[in-house]
Amino acid sequence: MDTETRRQLLADIASFYFVEKKTQAEIALISGYSRSAISRILTEAEDLGIIEIKIKYPLLREKELERRLQKEFSLETAYVINSGLSDYSHNINLVGRLGASYFQNNIFDGMVIGIGWGSSLYELVNALPFLHKSNIKVVQVIGASGGKSDTRVDGPDLAALLASKLSASHKFLHSPLFMDSEAACKSLKDQQQIKTTLELGYLSDIVLLGIGTIDVDRLYSSIFRSGLISEQEVKSIKAQGGVANFCGVILDENGIVLDIELNRRTMAVDIQRLRLNGCKLIGIAAGSQKSQAINAVLKGNWLDILFTDSSAVLPILQ
């Protein structure tokens, strides 16, 4: 049996089982294969990607945790998913779906939307349906990631994806997140193209930002995963009190922007100016490993809206 004929057989058996809801015994009678062979065929079809099983978990919210976060940190609102026994990848998918549900109901024609990057934020944008909006501008508000990561998640492609979902125009910030020196950073910010992009960022109605940890961990720390800083630099930042990366800058445990050399050569909109301009800042992160970073951002009063999960929130509210 040639490859395509075999794949057709796998698809037929899978259709009998998953679409027509026939038992393996019934399929065996129809096809002439043994019941054990049918079981092996279904496994083979799944392994080859002919069968894709997707479980759409309900978005169970923890209303009491949301209320406590809103009250304690003066948030406009908080959204907390019950993470149950799920792993990190599943948690950020759930949080992203919840964020997408909020976002699509709070986007209006003519808005300017700023966006950073990161895994949770990618899940939000990816979960968005295509919406036909008018005169929306999407602007990348922090510089691009390093060469070791997926630009769809940790770079400008995320701004482009959001723009495509909203039928919007978009502006990239054509720069790495961290420049080689403070002088180089200042000089580039004075360049007309960069200056225009940053100024558009300050006009944002909504700014979507991920919340990153300062850890030698590719899963939870986007700036380490992307190759922007080395393991030694991460350890140095932690030794200086850094616990969170938000809007490109390093924050201490109280949410204060650290007075360190790295922050002075960061290519991003100024988070303090965003706050003064009245931009609505929306943060998204999940997982217990993000608790300290989320807590720092909350303590610094940098957020209006938070999307997260119960495993991240419980250590904060204990």
Protein backbone atom coordinates (compact mmCIF):
# COMPACT_ATOMS: atom_id res chain seq x y z
CA MET A 1 0.00 0.00 0.00
CA ASP A 2 1.52 3.33 -1.05
CA THR A 3 1.78 6.26 1.36
CA GLU A 4 -1.22 8.26 0.16
CA THR A 5 -3.46 5.18 0.06
CA ARG A 6 -2.36 4.36 3.59
CA ARG A 7 -3.13 7.89 4.78
CA GLN A 8 -6.57 7.69 3.16
CA LEU A 9 -7.24 4.46 5.05
CA LEU A 10 -6.15 6.08 8.32
CA ALA A 11 -8.47 9.03 7.67
CA ASP A 12 -11.41 6.74 6.82
CA ILE A 13 -10.98 4.71 10.01
CA ALA A 14 -10.60 7.88 12.06
CA SER A 15 -13.77 9.31 10.50
CA PHE A 16 -15.72 6.17 11.35
CA TYR A 17 -14.55 6.40 14.96
CA PHE A 18 -14.63 10.13 15.74
CA VAL A 19 -17.26 11.49 13.32
CA GLU A 20 -19.71 8.61 12.91
CA LYS A 21 -19.11 7.42 16.50
CA LYS A 22 -18.81 3.76 15.54
CA THR A 23 -17.14 1.36 17.97
CA GLN A 24 -13.85 -0.27 17.11
CA ALA A 25 -15.69 -3.61 16.83
CA GLU A 26 -18.15 -2.12 14.30
CA ILE A 27 -15.31 -0.60 12.27
CA ALA A 28 -13.53 -3.96 12.25
CA LEU A 29 -16.62 -5.59 10.68
CA ILE A 30 -16.91 -2.86 8.05
CA SER A 31 -13.23 -2.72 7.11
CA GLY A 32 -12.20 -6.35 7.44
CA TYR A 33 -9.43 -5.49 9.90
CA SER A 34 -9.22 -6.96 13.40
CA ARG A 35 -10.25 -4.88 16.38
CA SER A 36 -6.64 -4.70 17.58
CA ALA A 37 -5.60 -3.49 14.11
CA ILE A 38 -8.21 -0.73 14.27
CA SER A 39 -6.75 0.41 17.59
CA ARG A 40 -3.25 0.53 16.07
CA ILE A 41 -4.54 2.41 13.01
CA LEU A 42 -6.13 5.08 15.22
CA THR A 43 -2.86 5.47 17.12
CA GLU A 44 -0.93 5.75 13.84
CA ALA A 45 -3.36 8.37 12.54
CA GLU A 46 -2.85 10.45 15.68
CA ASP A 47 0.94 10.11 15.47
CA LEU A 48 0.91 11.32 11.84
CA GLY A 49 -1.28 14.31 12.67
CA ILE A 50 -4.27 13.02 10.69
CA ILE A 51 -6.19 13.10 13.96
CA GLU A 52 -5.91 16.28 16.00
CA ILE A 53 -7.54 16.13 19.40
CA LYS A 54 -8.38 19.50 20.91
CA ILE A 55 -9.96 19.83 24.32
CA LYS A 56 -11.51 23.25 24.84
CA TYR A 57 -11.44 23.77 28.56
CA PRO A 58 -14.05 26.07 30.12
CA LEU A 59 -12.78 29.42 31.34
CA LEU A 60 -13.52 29.03 35.04
CA ARG A 61 -12.86 32.32 36.80
CA GLU A 62 -11.96 32.81 40.45
CA LYS A 63 -14.25 35.72 41.29
CA GLU A 64 -13.13 36.04 44.92
CA LEU A 65 -9.45 36.24 43.93
CA GLU A 66 -10.38 38.81 41.29
CA ARG A 67 -12.22 40.91 43.87
CA ARG A 68 -9.31 40.79 46.32
CA LEU A 69 -6.76 41.77 43.67
CA GLN A 70 -8.92 44.63 42.47
CA LYS A 71 -9.35 45.97 45.99
CA GLU A 72 -5.79 45.48 47.25
CA PHE A 73 -4.04 46.90 44.19
CA SER A 74 -6.64 49.46 43.02
CA LEU A 75 -7.10 47.77 39.66
CA GLU A 76 -9.85 48.65 37.24
CA THR A 77 -10.47 44.93 37.09
CA ALA A 78 -8.68 41.58 37.35
CA TYR A 79 -9.34 38.32 35.55
CA VAL A 80 -8.15 35.12 37.23
CA ILE A 81 -8.53 31.69 35.64
CA ASN A 82 -8.77 28.58 37.80
CA SER A 83 -5.62 26.77 36.70
CA GLY A 84 -6.47 23.49 38.43
CA LEU A 85 -3.79 20.89 37.82
CA SER A 86 -2.78 22.27 34.44
CA ASP A 87 0.82 22.81 33.34
CA TYR A 88 2.28 26.16 32.33
CA SER A 89 1.60 25.89 28.59
CA HIS A 90 -2.04 25.09 29.25
CA ASN A 91 -2.37 27.90 31.81
CA ILE A 92 -1.09 30.58 29.45
CA ASN A 93 -3.41 29.27 26.76
CA LEU A 94 -6.40 29.65 29.09
CA VAL A 95 -5.31 33.11 30.24
CA GLY A 96 -4.72 34.12 26.63
CA ARG A 97 -8.21 32.99 25.64
CA LEU A 98 -9.72 34.99 28.48
CA GLY A 99 -7.69 38.04 27.49
CA ALA A 100 -8.81 37.67 23.89
CA SER A 101 -12.46 37.50 24.97
CA TYR A 102 -12.09 40.78 26.89
CA PHE A 103 -10.03 42.42 24.16
CA GLN A 104 -12.41 41.76 21.27
CA ASN A 105 -15.24 43.34 23.26
CA ASN A 106 -13.23 46.44 24.15
CA ILE A 107 -11.71 47.39 20.81
CA PHE A 108 -13.21 50.29 18.94
CA ASP A 109 -12.60 51.99 15.61
CA GLY A 110 -9.87 54.63 15.64
CA MET A 111 -7.91 53.25 18.61
CA VAL A 112 -4.13 53.14 18.96
CA ILE A 113 -2.98 49.87 20.54
CA GLY A 114 0.51 49.40 21.91
CA ILE A 115 1.92 45.91 22.27
CA GLY A 116 5.01 44.26 23.75
CA TRP A 117 5.80 40.58 23.39
CA GLY A 118 6.02 37.28 25.27
CA SER A 119 4.40 33.84 25.49
CA SER A 120 1.19 34.80 27.31
CA LEU A 121 0.64 37.80 25.06
CA TYR A 122 1.13 35.59 22.01
CA GLU A 123 -1.63 33.29 23.31
CA LEU A 124 -3.97 36.26 23.63
CA VAL A 125 -3.34 37.52 20.11
CA ASN A 126 -3.45 34.02 18.65
CA ALA A 127 -6.84 33.39 20.29
CA LEU A 128 -8.36 36.53 18.78
CA PRO A 129 -10.74 36.05 15.87
CA PHE A 130 -10.34 38.24 12.80
CA LEU A 131 -12.25 41.45 13.49
CA HIS A 132 -13.14 44.00 10.86
CA LYS A 133 -12.29 47.32 12.47
CA SER A 134 -11.58 50.73 10.97
CA ASN A 135 -8.62 53.07 11.38
CA ILE A 136 -6.89 51.13 14.16
CA LYS A 137 -3.14 51.53 14.60
CA VAL A 138 -0.96 48.89 16.27
CA VAL A 139 2.45 49.98 17.51
CA GLN A 140 5.32 47.93 18.92
CA VAL A 141 6.30 49.66 22.17
CA ILE A 142 9.43 47.72 23.16
CA GLY A 143 12.43 46.80 21.05
CA ALA A 144 12.80 43.44 19.37
CA SER A 145 14.05 40.21 20.91
CA GLY A 146 17.38 38.52 20.32
CA GLY A 147 18.17 35.96 17.68
CA LYS A 148 17.55 32.87 19.83
CA SER A 149 13.78 33.05 20.04
CA ASP A 150 10.70 32.83 17.87
CA THR A 151 9.90 36.30 16.53
CA ARG A 152 6.22 35.37 16.43
CA VAL A 153 6.31 35.23 20.23
CA ASP A 154 9.23 37.44 21.27
CA GLY A 155 9.42 40.01 18.54
CA PRO A 156 7.80 42.30 15.98
CA ASP A 157 5.80 39.57 14.28
CA LEU A 158 3.40 39.67 17.22
CA ALA A 159 2.51 43.29 16.44
CA ALA A 160 2.00 42.32 12.80
CA LEU A 161 -0.25 39.40 13.81
CA LEU A 162 -2.39 41.64 15.99
CA ALA A 163 -2.66 44.18 13.19
CA SER A 164 -3.78 41.47 10.77
CA LYS A 165 -6.46 40.30 13.23
CA LEU A 166 -7.85 43.85 13.45
CA SER A 167 -7.43 44.95 9.81
CA ALA A 168 -5.12 47.60 11.26
CA SER A 169 -1.97 49.39 10.23
CA HIS A 170 1.14 48.77 12.30
CA LYS A 171 4.46 50.35 13.19
CA PHE A 172 7.54 48.40 14.21
CA LEU A 173 10.16 49.68 16.62
CA HIS A 174 13.22 48.89 14.54
CA SER A 175 15.68 48.31 17.35
CA PRO A 176 16.87 45.63 19.75
CA LEU A 177 15.42 45.92 23.25
CA PHE A 178 18.83 46.56 24.80
CA MET A 179 21.37 48.78 23.08
CA ASP A 180 25.12 48.44 23.59
CA SER A 181 25.37 51.65 25.59
CA GLU A 182 23.29 54.42 27.11
CA ALA A 183 24.70 56.87 24.56
CA ALA A 184 23.74 54.59 21.64
CA CYS A 185 20.24 54.24 23.05
CA LYS A 186 19.78 57.98 23.41
CA SER A 187 21.12 58.62 19.93
CA LEU A 188 18.77 56.07 18.35
CA LYS A 189 15.76 57.45 20.21
CA ASP A 190 16.54 60.81 18.60
CA GLN A 191 16.37 59.32 15.09
CA GLN A 192 13.18 60.43 13.35
CA GLN A 193 11.81 56.97 12.51
CA ILE A 194 12.30 55.66 16.05
CA LYS A 195 11.06 58.89 17.60
CA THR A 196 7.87 58.79 15.52
CA THR A 197 7.16 55.20 16.58
CA LEU A 198 7.74 55.95 20.26
CA GLU A 199 5.52 59.04 20.08
CA LEU A 200 2.74 56.95 18.56
CA GLY A 201 3.19 54.52 21.44
CA TYR A 202 2.53 57.31 23.92
CA LEU A 203 -0.79 57.99 22.17
CA SER A 204 -1.97 54.43 22.81
CA ASP A 205 -5.44 53.94 24.21
CA ILE A 206 -4.49 50.43 25.35
CA VAL A 207 -1.05 48.90 25.88
CA LEU A 208 -0.77 45.10 26.07
CA LEU A 209 2.26 43.85 27.96
CA GLY A 210 3.60 40.55 29.21
CA ILE A 211 5.15 40.25 32.66
CA GLY A 212 8.51 38.51 32.68
CA THR A 213 10.67 37.05 35.41
CA ILE A 214 14.39 37.61 35.93
CA ASP A 215 15.59 34.03 35.90
CA VAL A 216 17.93 31.73 34.06
CA ASP A 217 14.95 29.93 32.62
CA ARG A 218 13.95 29.90 28.97
CA LEU A 219 10.34 29.02 29.74
CA TYR A 220 9.50 31.87 32.11
CA SER A 221 12.01 34.61 31.29
CA SER A 222 11.51 36.05 27.81
CA ILE A 223 14.57 38.32 27.93
CA PHE A 224 16.77 35.33 28.79
CA ARG A 225 15.05 33.04 26.26
CA SER A 226 15.53 35.56 23.50
CA GLY A 227 19.27 35.82 24.08
CA LEU A 228 19.10 39.50 25.02
CA ILE A 229 21.01 38.93 28.25
CA SER A 230 23.39 36.20 29.32
CA GLU A 231 23.16 33.88 32.31
CA GLN A 232 25.80 35.97 34.08
CA GLU A 233 23.85 39.17 33.41
CA VAL A 234 20.68 37.60 34.79
CA LYS A 235 22.49 36.69 38.00
CA SER A 236 23.92 40.20 38.23
CA ILE A 237 20.48 41.79 37.79
CA LYS A 238 19.01 39.52 40.47
CA ALA A 239 21.85 40.45 42.81
CA GLN A 240 20.93 44.11 42.30
CA GLY A 241 17.32 43.40 43.31
CA GLY A 242 15.68 42.82 39.94
CA VAL A 243 12.63 40.53 40.03
CA ALA A 244 10.49 41.55 37.04
CA ASN A 245 10.74 42.72 33.46
CA PHE A 246 7.84 44.94 32.42
CA CYS A 247 7.61 47.23 29.41
CA GLY A 248 11.27 46.49 28.78
CA VAL A 249 12.60 47.69 32.14
CA ILE A 250 13.72 45.83 35.25
CA LEU A 251 11.68 46.35 38.44
CA ASP A 252 12.53 45.52 42.04
CA GLU A 253 10.19 43.66 44.41
CA ASN A 254 8.25 46.86 45.11
CA GLY A 255 7.78 47.69 41.45
CA ILE A 256 10.36 50.47 41.38
CA VAL A 257 12.34 50.87 38.16
CA LEU A 258 15.89 49.94 39.14
CA ASP A 259 18.60 52.54 38.66
CA ILE A 260 20.88 50.17 36.77
CA GLU A 261 22.89 50.48 33.61
CA LEU A 262 20.70 48.01 31.68
CA ASN A 263 17.57 50.13 32.19
CA ARG A 264 19.40 53.19 30.85
CA ARG A 265 20.07 51.47 27.54
CA THR A 266 16.59 49.99 27.06
CA MET A 267 14.77 50.79 23.84
CA ALA A 268 11.11 51.11 24.79
CA VAL A 269 8.45 53.64 25.60
CA ASP A 270 8.88 55.20 29.03
CA ILE A 271 6.47 53.38 31.33
CA GLN A 272 6.15 56.42 33.60
CA ARG A 273 5.14 58.60 30.66
CA LEU A 274 2.58 55.99 29.59
CA ARG A 275 1.08 56.23 33.06
CA LEU A 276 0.99 60.02 32.97
CA ASN A 277 -0.62 59.99 29.52
CA GLY A 278 -3.52 57.90 30.82
CA CYS A 279 -2.87 54.86 28.65
CA LYS A 280 -4.74 51.80 29.89
CA LEU A 281 -2.05 49.27 30.81
CA ILE A 282 -3.02 45.62 30.53
CA GLY A 283 -0.67 42.97 31.91
CA ILE A 284 -0.82 39.25 31.27
CA ALA A 285 1.11 36.38 32.85
CA ALA A 286 0.41 32.98 34.39
CA GLY A 287 2.04 30.32 36.53
CA SER A 288 3.34 30.24 40.10
CA GLN A 289 6.84 31.00 38.81
CA LYS A 290 5.53 34.42 37.75
CA SER A 291 4.08 35.32 41.18
CA GLN A 292 6.97 37.48 42.35
CA ALA A 293 7.14 39.37 39.06
CA ILE A 294 3.38 39.94 38.96
CA ASN A 295 3.43 41.10 42.58
CA ALA A 296 6.16 43.63 41.78
CA VAL A 297 4.19 45.08 38.87
CA LEU A 298 1.08 45.30 41.05
CA LYS A 299 2.93 46.97 43.92
CA GLY A 300 4.37 49.52 41.51
CA ASN A 301 0.83 50.47 40.45
CA TRP A 302 1.72 49.89 36.82
CA LEU A 303 -1.48 48.09 35.85
CA ASP A 304 -5.10 48.90 35.16
CA ILE A 305 -6.12 45.38 34.18
CA LEU A 306 -4.49 42.02 34.94
CA PHE A 307 -5.05 38.65 33.29
CA THR A 308 -3.57 35.75 35.23
CA ASP A 309 -4.32 32.40 36.86
CA SER A 310 -4.93 31.14 40.38
CA SER A 311 -1.51 29.49 40.74
CA ALA A 312 0.15 32.89 40.21
CA VAL A 313 -2.25 34.83 42.44
CA LEU A 314 -2.49 32.64 45.54
CA PRO A 315 1.08 33.33 46.76
CA ILE A 316 0.45 37.07 46.33
CA LEU A 317 -2.75 37.12 48.39
CA GLN A 318 -1.65 34.80 51.21
